[in-house]
Structure formats: structure tokens, C-alpha cells
Protein backbone atom coordinates (compact mmCIF):
# COMPACT_ATOMS: atom_id res chain seq x y z
CA LYS A 1 36.95 209.88 -9.64
CA LEU A 2 34.34 207.44 -8.36
CA ARG A 3 31.82 208.85 -10.82
CA ARG A 4 34.27 208.36 -13.73
CA MET A 5 34.88 204.77 -12.59
CA ALA A 6 31.14 204.13 -12.44
CA ILE A 7 30.65 205.58 -15.93
CA GLY A 8 33.48 203.39 -17.23
CA ARG A 9 31.94 200.27 -15.73
CA GLY A 10 28.58 201.25 -17.19
CA LEU A 11 30.05 201.62 -20.69
CA ARG A 12 31.77 198.22 -20.41
CA ARG A 13 28.48 196.61 -19.33
CA LEU A 14 26.65 198.25 -22.26
CA CYS A 15 29.29 196.97 -24.69
CA VAL A 16 29.04 193.46 -23.24
CA GLN A 17 25.23 193.51 -23.39
CA ARG A 18 25.33 194.54 -27.06
CA THR A 19 27.74 191.72 -27.83
CA ARG A 20 25.69 189.12 -25.96
CA ALA A 21 22.75 189.93 -28.20
CA LEU A 22 24.90 188.81 -31.14
CA GLY A 23 26.46 185.79 -29.42
CA GLY A 24 24.11 182.98 -30.41
CA ASN A 25 23.96 184.02 -34.07
CA LEU A 26 27.76 184.38 -34.22
CA GLN A 27 28.29 180.93 -32.76
CA ARG A 28 25.98 179.34 -35.33
CA ARG A 29 27.48 181.35 -38.20
CA TRP A 30 31.10 180.48 -37.52
CA MET A 31 30.49 176.89 -36.54
CA SER A 32 28.94 176.36 -39.97
CA LEU A 33 32.03 177.83 -41.67
CA LEU A 34 34.45 175.35 -40.08
CA ASN A 35 34.44 172.92 -42.95
CA ASP A 36 35.90 169.43 -42.94
CA SER A 37 39.14 170.54 -44.60
CA ILE A 38 39.95 172.85 -41.68
CA LYS A 39 39.33 170.06 -39.18
CA GLU A 40 41.39 167.62 -41.26
CA GLU A 41 44.26 170.12 -41.45
CA PHE A 42 44.25 170.41 -37.67
CA ASP A 43 44.14 166.63 -37.24
CA GLU A 44 47.05 166.14 -39.66
CA ASN A 45 49.29 169.12 -38.86
CA GLY A 46 48.42 169.83 -35.24
CA VAL A 47 47.69 173.46 -36.13
CA VAL A 48 45.41 175.44 -38.44
CA CYS A 49 44.85 179.13 -39.18
CA VAL A 50 41.25 180.37 -39.41
CA ARG A 51 40.89 183.80 -41.02
CA ASN A 52 38.40 186.42 -39.77
CA ALA A 53 37.21 184.03 -37.08
CA ILE A 54 36.45 186.62 -34.41
CA PRO A 55 34.39 189.77 -35.09
CA MET A 56 36.16 193.05 -34.42
CA GLU A 57 33.74 194.03 -31.66
CA PHE A 58 35.31 191.35 -29.47
CA VAL A 59 38.85 192.26 -30.57
CA ASP A 60 38.29 195.90 -29.62
CA GLN A 61 37.02 194.91 -26.18
CA LEU A 62 39.97 192.60 -25.60
CA ARG A 63 42.43 195.35 -26.52
CA VAL A 64 40.94 197.49 -23.77
CA ALA A 65 41.26 194.62 -21.28
CA ALA A 66 44.83 193.89 -22.38
CA ASP A 67 45.91 197.49 -21.86
CA ARG A 68 44.24 197.57 -18.44
CA ASN A 69 45.86 194.30 -17.43
CA MET A 70 49.33 195.50 -18.39
CA LYS A 71 48.87 198.39 -15.96
CA ASN A 72 47.37 196.22 -13.22
CA PRO A 73 48.32 192.54 -13.73
CA GLY A 74 47.16 189.52 -11.77
CA PRO A 75 49.09 187.31 -9.34
CA LEU A 76 50.29 184.91 -12.06
CA CYS A 77 51.90 187.60 -14.20
CA ASP A 78 55.43 187.07 -15.50
CA GLU A 79 57.49 189.85 -17.05
CA HIS A 80 59.98 187.77 -19.01
CA SER A 81 62.12 190.57 -20.46
CA ALA A 82 62.60 192.17 -17.05
CA ALA A 83 63.47 188.82 -15.47
CA ALA A 84 65.96 188.01 -18.21
CA GLY A 85 67.43 191.53 -18.26
CA THR A 86 66.73 192.07 -21.96
CA ALA A 87 65.27 194.99 -23.90
CA GLY A 88 61.54 195.56 -24.33
CA ARG A 89 58.63 194.04 -22.46
CA PHE A 90 57.27 190.48 -22.70
CA HIS A 91 54.11 190.50 -20.58
CA ASP A 92 52.56 187.11 -19.73
CA ASP A 93 49.44 186.77 -17.57
CA GLN A 94 46.65 184.26 -17.02
CA PHE A 95 43.03 184.01 -15.84
CA LEU A 96 42.12 187.45 -17.12
CA TRP A 97 38.53 186.26 -17.54
CA THR A 98 38.14 186.17 -13.75
CA ARG A 99 39.05 189.88 -13.51
CA HIS A 100 38.02 191.54 -16.79
CA GLU A 101 34.43 191.50 -18.00
CA GLU A 102 35.54 191.90 -21.63
CA CYS A 103 37.52 188.66 -21.44
CA LYS A 104 34.66 186.75 -19.82
CA ASN A 105 32.33 188.07 -22.51
CA TYR A 106 34.69 186.84 -25.23
CA LEU A 107 34.80 183.34 -23.73
CA PHE A 108 31.06 182.96 -23.26
CA ASN A 109 29.60 184.97 -26.16
CA SER A 110 32.04 184.92 -29.08
CA PRO A 111 32.46 182.03 -31.54
CA VAL A 112 35.72 180.88 -29.88
CA ALA A 113 34.34 178.02 -27.75
CA GLY A 114 32.32 176.65 -30.66
CA ILE A 115 35.41 176.75 -32.87
CA ALA A 116 37.38 174.77 -30.29
CA ALA A 117 34.60 172.20 -29.84
CA GLN A 118 34.22 171.60 -33.57
CA ILE A 119 37.94 171.32 -34.25
CA LEU A 120 38.35 168.89 -31.34
CA HIS A 121 35.26 166.88 -32.45
CA SER A 122 34.15 167.31 -28.84
CA ASN A 123 30.62 167.37 -27.45
CA SER A 124 31.56 170.05 -24.94
CA VAL A 125 34.50 172.26 -24.02
CA SER A 126 35.56 173.90 -20.78
CA ILE A 127 37.98 176.77 -20.49
CA LEU A 128 41.24 175.69 -18.88
CA TYR A 129 42.54 179.26 -18.73
CA ASP A 130 43.03 182.35 -20.84
CA HIS A 131 46.47 183.77 -21.48
CA LEU A 132 47.63 187.24 -22.53
CA LEU A 133 51.02 187.36 -24.28
CA VAL A 134 52.28 190.82 -25.22
CA LYS A 135 55.59 191.72 -26.81
CA GLU A 136 56.10 195.46 -27.04
CA PRO A 137 58.00 196.95 -30.01
CA GLY A 138 61.69 196.14 -29.85
CA THR A 139 61.30 193.24 -27.42
CA VAL A 140 64.25 190.87 -27.66
CA ALA A 141 62.93 187.98 -25.54
CA PRO A 142 61.82 184.97 -27.62
CA THR A 143 59.19 182.39 -26.82
CA PRO A 144 61.31 179.23 -26.46
CA TRP A 145 60.42 176.04 -28.30
CA HIS A 146 57.96 174.00 -26.25
CA ASN A 147 54.65 172.25 -26.28
CA ASP A 148 51.91 173.20 -23.82
CA TYR A 149 51.02 169.69 -22.71
CA SER A 150 54.34 169.24 -20.87
CA TYR A 151 53.34 172.04 -18.47
CA TRP A 152 49.72 171.08 -17.92
CA HIS A 153 48.05 169.00 -15.20
CA ILE A 154 45.93 166.93 -17.57
CA SER A 155 45.57 163.56 -19.24
CA GLY A 156 43.69 162.88 -22.47
CA GLU A 157 43.83 164.13 -26.05
CA ASP A 158 40.96 166.59 -26.56
CA ILE A 159 42.77 169.85 -25.91
CA CYS A 160 43.64 172.89 -28.00
CA SER A 161 44.64 176.53 -27.78
CA VAL A 162 43.03 179.29 -29.83
CA TRP A 163 45.57 182.12 -30.33
CA LEU A 164 43.79 185.33 -31.34
CA ALA A 165 45.68 188.21 -32.96
CA LEU A 166 44.81 191.59 -31.47
CA ASP A 167 47.27 193.36 -33.82
CA ASN A 168 48.74 192.91 -37.27
CA VAL A 169 51.55 190.40 -36.81
CA LYS A 170 54.15 189.52 -39.43
CA ARG A 171 55.13 185.88 -39.70
CA GLU A 172 58.66 186.58 -38.47
CA SER A 173 57.21 187.77 -35.12
CA MET A 174 54.38 185.25 -35.03
CA VAL A 175 54.39 181.86 -33.34
CA THR A 176 55.87 179.12 -35.55
CA TYR A 177 54.83 175.46 -35.34
CA VAL A 178 56.57 172.17 -36.12
CA LYS A 179 54.19 170.49 -38.54
CA GLY A 180 52.83 167.18 -37.25
CA SER A 181 54.72 167.33 -33.93
CA HIS A 182 51.52 166.70 -31.97
CA LYS A 183 51.88 163.07 -33.07
CA TRP A 184 55.16 162.77 -31.12
CA LYS A 185 53.36 163.25 -27.79
CA MET A 186 56.59 164.59 -26.36
CA MET A 187 56.85 165.18 -22.60
CA HIS A 188 59.88 167.45 -22.77
CA LYS A 189 62.06 168.93 -20.08
CA ILE A 190 60.50 172.16 -18.89
CA THR A 191 61.81 175.38 -20.43
CA ASN A 192 61.81 178.60 -18.42
CA PHE A 193 60.41 181.42 -20.56
CA SER A 194 62.49 183.99 -18.64
CA GLY A 195 65.75 182.10 -19.10
CA GLU A 196 67.40 179.57 -16.84
CA SER A 197 69.23 182.26 -14.84
CA SER A 198 65.87 183.53 -13.51
CA ASP A 199 64.40 180.11 -12.72
CA ASP A 200 62.18 180.36 -9.63
CA GLY A 201 61.92 176.60 -9.14
CA ARG A 202 58.22 176.23 -9.92
CA TYR A 203 58.87 173.29 -12.27
CA ASP A 204 61.71 171.65 -10.36
CA GLU A 205 59.69 168.50 -9.59
CA SER A 206 58.83 167.79 -13.22
CA PRO A 207 59.78 164.22 -14.23
CA ASN A 208 59.74 165.07 -17.96
CA GLN A 209 62.83 163.75 -19.77
CA ASP A 210 62.24 164.17 -23.51
CA GLU A 211 64.64 166.54 -25.29
CA ILE A 212 63.33 169.10 -27.77
CA PRO A 213 65.21 168.51 -31.08
CA LEU A 214 66.56 172.05 -31.32
CA ASP A 215 69.41 171.13 -33.68
CA LYS A 216 67.07 169.52 -36.19
CA ILE A 217 64.70 172.48 -36.02
CA GLU A 218 67.54 174.94 -36.62
CA LYS A 219 68.89 172.83 -39.50
CA GLY A 220 65.51 172.88 -41.22
CA GLU A 221 64.86 169.15 -40.92
CA TYR A 222 61.21 169.75 -39.99
CA GLU A 223 58.60 171.72 -41.88
CA LEU A 224 57.62 174.83 -39.96
CA LEU A 225 54.20 176.47 -40.26
CA GLY A 226 53.40 180.12 -39.60
CA TRP A 227 51.23 182.91 -40.91
CA ASP A 228 50.95 186.66 -41.21
CA MET A 229 48.06 187.52 -38.91
CA GLU A 230 45.48 190.27 -38.89
CA PRO A 231 43.20 191.22 -35.97
CA GLY A 232 40.42 188.65 -35.69
CA ASP A 233 42.44 185.81 -37.23
CA VAL A 234 43.09 182.80 -35.00
CA VAL A 235 45.55 179.94 -34.97
CA VAL A 236 44.31 176.77 -33.32
CA HIS A 237 46.99 174.34 -32.16
CA HIS A 238 46.92 171.06 -30.27
CA GLY A 239 48.39 170.86 -26.77
CA TRP A 240 51.09 168.49 -28.03
CA THR A 241 52.22 170.70 -30.95
CA LEU A 242 55.77 172.05 -30.65
CA HIS A 243 56.00 175.81 -31.18
CA GLY A 244 58.08 178.92 -30.47
CA ALA A 245 58.50 182.53 -31.52
CA SER A 246 61.13 185.21 -31.88
CA GLY A 247 61.00 188.56 -30.11
CA ASN A 248 59.22 191.51 -31.66
CA ALA A 249 61.77 193.30 -33.83
CA ASP A 250 59.11 195.67 -35.17
CA LEU A 251 59.81 199.06 -33.57
CA ALA A 252 56.33 200.43 -34.23
CA THR A 253 53.79 197.66 -33.60
CA MET A 254 52.74 195.76 -30.50
CA ARG A 255 52.36 191.99 -30.75
CA ARG A 256 49.37 191.25 -28.55
CA GLY A 257 48.16 187.66 -28.60
CA TYR A 258 45.24 186.44 -26.50
CA ALA A 259 45.20 182.66 -26.19
CA THR A 260 42.38 180.58 -24.75
CA ARG A 261 43.02 176.97 -23.74
CA TRP A 262 40.12 174.54 -24.20
CA VAL A 263 39.60 171.03 -22.80
CA GLY A 264 37.18 168.56 -24.36
CA ASP A 265 35.43 165.28 -23.64
CA ASP A 266 38.30 162.99 -22.61
CA ILE A 267 40.48 165.39 -20.60
CA ARG A 268 40.93 164.53 -16.92
CA PHE A 269 42.69 166.28 -14.04
CA ASP A 270 46.21 164.92 -13.47
CA PRO A 271 48.27 167.02 -11.03
CA ARG A 272 51.65 165.57 -11.97
CA PRO A 273 54.67 167.02 -10.15
CA GLY A 274 56.10 170.09 -11.82
CA THR A 275 52.93 171.16 -13.64
CA MET A 276 51.25 174.56 -13.55
CA HIS A 277 48.62 173.40 -11.05
CA PHE A 278 50.86 173.98 -8.05
CA ASN A 279 51.82 177.56 -8.92
CA TRP A 280 48.16 178.27 -9.65
CA ALA A 281 47.04 176.82 -6.30
CA ASN A 282 49.70 178.81 -4.44
CA ASN A 283 48.29 181.98 -6.01
CA GLY A 284 44.61 181.35 -5.29
CA TYR A 285 43.61 179.35 -8.37
CA ASP A 286 43.03 175.88 -6.88
CA CYS A 287 40.40 173.97 -8.85
CA GLY A 288 39.59 171.59 -5.97
CA LEU A 289 39.46 168.56 -8.27
CA ALA A 290 40.80 165.08 -7.53
CA LYS A 291 43.02 163.13 -9.91
CA GLY A 292 40.90 161.58 -12.65
CA ASP A 293 38.06 164.10 -12.35
CA LYS A 294 36.63 165.60 -15.50
CA MET A 295 37.78 169.19 -15.99
CA GLU A 296 34.47 170.81 -15.15
CA CYS A 297 34.25 173.09 -12.11
CA GLU A 298 33.99 176.74 -11.12
CA LEU A 299 37.56 177.42 -12.26
CA PHE A 300 37.12 175.40 -15.49
CA PRO A 301 33.48 176.06 -16.44
CA VAL A 302 31.79 174.39 -19.38
CA VAL A 303 31.39 177.14 -21.97
CA HIS A 304 29.93 175.28 -24.93
CA ARG A 305 27.92 172.11 -25.51
CA GLN A 306 27.13 170.86 -28.99
CA SER A 307 23.39 170.82 -29.68
CA VAL A 308 22.00 167.36 -30.35
């Protein structure tokens, strides 16, 4: 058994070494393909889809890590379907890059950090955290409408998420975005992804008071953006952009999304009450920063700097 484990680790290292050899060229290639229209679309809509952004070698590695993580999750894992008592499995876990070499390799050697930096017009980006979101076939649990910023211990504007498709995802199962909602800068009341009946109190101290306009969304008063996704496609959305998703009604296909959250030049640490910082710290992910510090440390390493 130990020999098999050693062989497995050796194969993963070989795969990572091969990918690192490609990393610099891939960064330069994909940074050059992010034209001004893509950046303008992000600035205007708060979200943009970039096709074929990530080479399949990285996608294949991340699939392996995702499957391994679902069998052996980390301390921040939430199983939303189980908590809500609904059919299927909605697996949600964070900081995979600290446990899985494939995820760390993706952060540091794929084009993803360069994509985030260019879209944010930022000189550098640090990784805030990575986030695996898996809905197995037949999963009922939705992703409730929310923006990410309301949960995060930050201040500033230079922040985005890059949501990478690891599977073919139809638009009806994909995340949907309220066009232009990043301009609202809404600090909304915190929504529990597992349903209010399973609330564990981690966000009880949040002072957020804004109400998500659910009625207007349901009545079609806002334009909603979404895409069919293929493996390697990414959606980049701003931290303020309102979004949500249905369950996975497809009875044959997994919906594995791997999101990376990137902070740029003006983001500072702001441990407001009721943000994710406190649950992270309680589970061994304390960044050690003081309020107002730039988000650069061992937990939030700088991954990409623009060449001068």
C-alpha cells in the first residue's frame, strides 16, 4: 500500500513538473488574448465568459484533485444537500491548494492568475482562496442569490472570482448573474447555503442590512447573464456581482466548478463581524493580518505580478 501511495505521489509530481515547463509560455499566450473588449465587458457587466481559457492538462489534474477531495474533505467543507435534507450532493470546500498539489500547480502555473490581474487592471494579484463546488447528478439544492463581497473580510474594489468548468455544464445548471449588479455595491443580509433551518450561527454577527431584490429577479426586471460551459471555459465575476444557480437536474453529468478568488492592488484586510475570517481562523486558517493590511501573506500569497 505504501509503495502504491509513493508511486501515486511520484506520478502527480511528474505531471506537475511537465505543466510547470509550460507555465510561463501559457501565461504570456493567454494574457495577450484578453483583448480590451473582454475587459470592458467585465467592467460594464460585472461578469465575462472567456472560452478555452485553461488548457485541458490543468483541467484533468483538477478533476483528480476534486475526486480525491470529495472522499477526504478539509475542515471547511460543507455538504449543503445533507444539511438541508434534500436529494443529491452539493459539496463545498475551500483551501484545496494547501492540501492538493494539483490545485497549487493550477494557481501558480496556469494562466488563471494572469487572467485575473489583466481583467482587474491590477499590477499584482494574491489568491484569497480556492473553492470547489460540486453538484452531483440529481442534486436539488440551489445556490441562493448572493454576492461574494458580503461574506468577505475585505475592503477595496480590485477583486474577482474565476469560475472554471471541469465538466460540460448547461446554462440551466450554470451560475446566473444579474447584469451590472456589481455597481450596486450591495452589502446584503447573509444567506445560508444549506437553508436557514441548518444555520450554525457563523454569520450571526453580520451587520449587513441590504435586501436582495428576489421579487424583481423572479419577475424578470433585471437582465440575467449565463452561458453553456465546456471544460476549460471560465467565467470571471466581480466580488459585488449578484449571482445564483439552480440544482443539477441532469441525471447523468456532474457539475464540478472550481473557483479561485483573486485580490488586487487596493484590497485590504477588514475583519468585519460576521465575515468568513472567523470561521476560517477557528479551523486553522488565520492569516495573522491586522485591519488595513494589504492582502499579502503566507495564506494569501502573491501569485502574479505584471512585468514592467
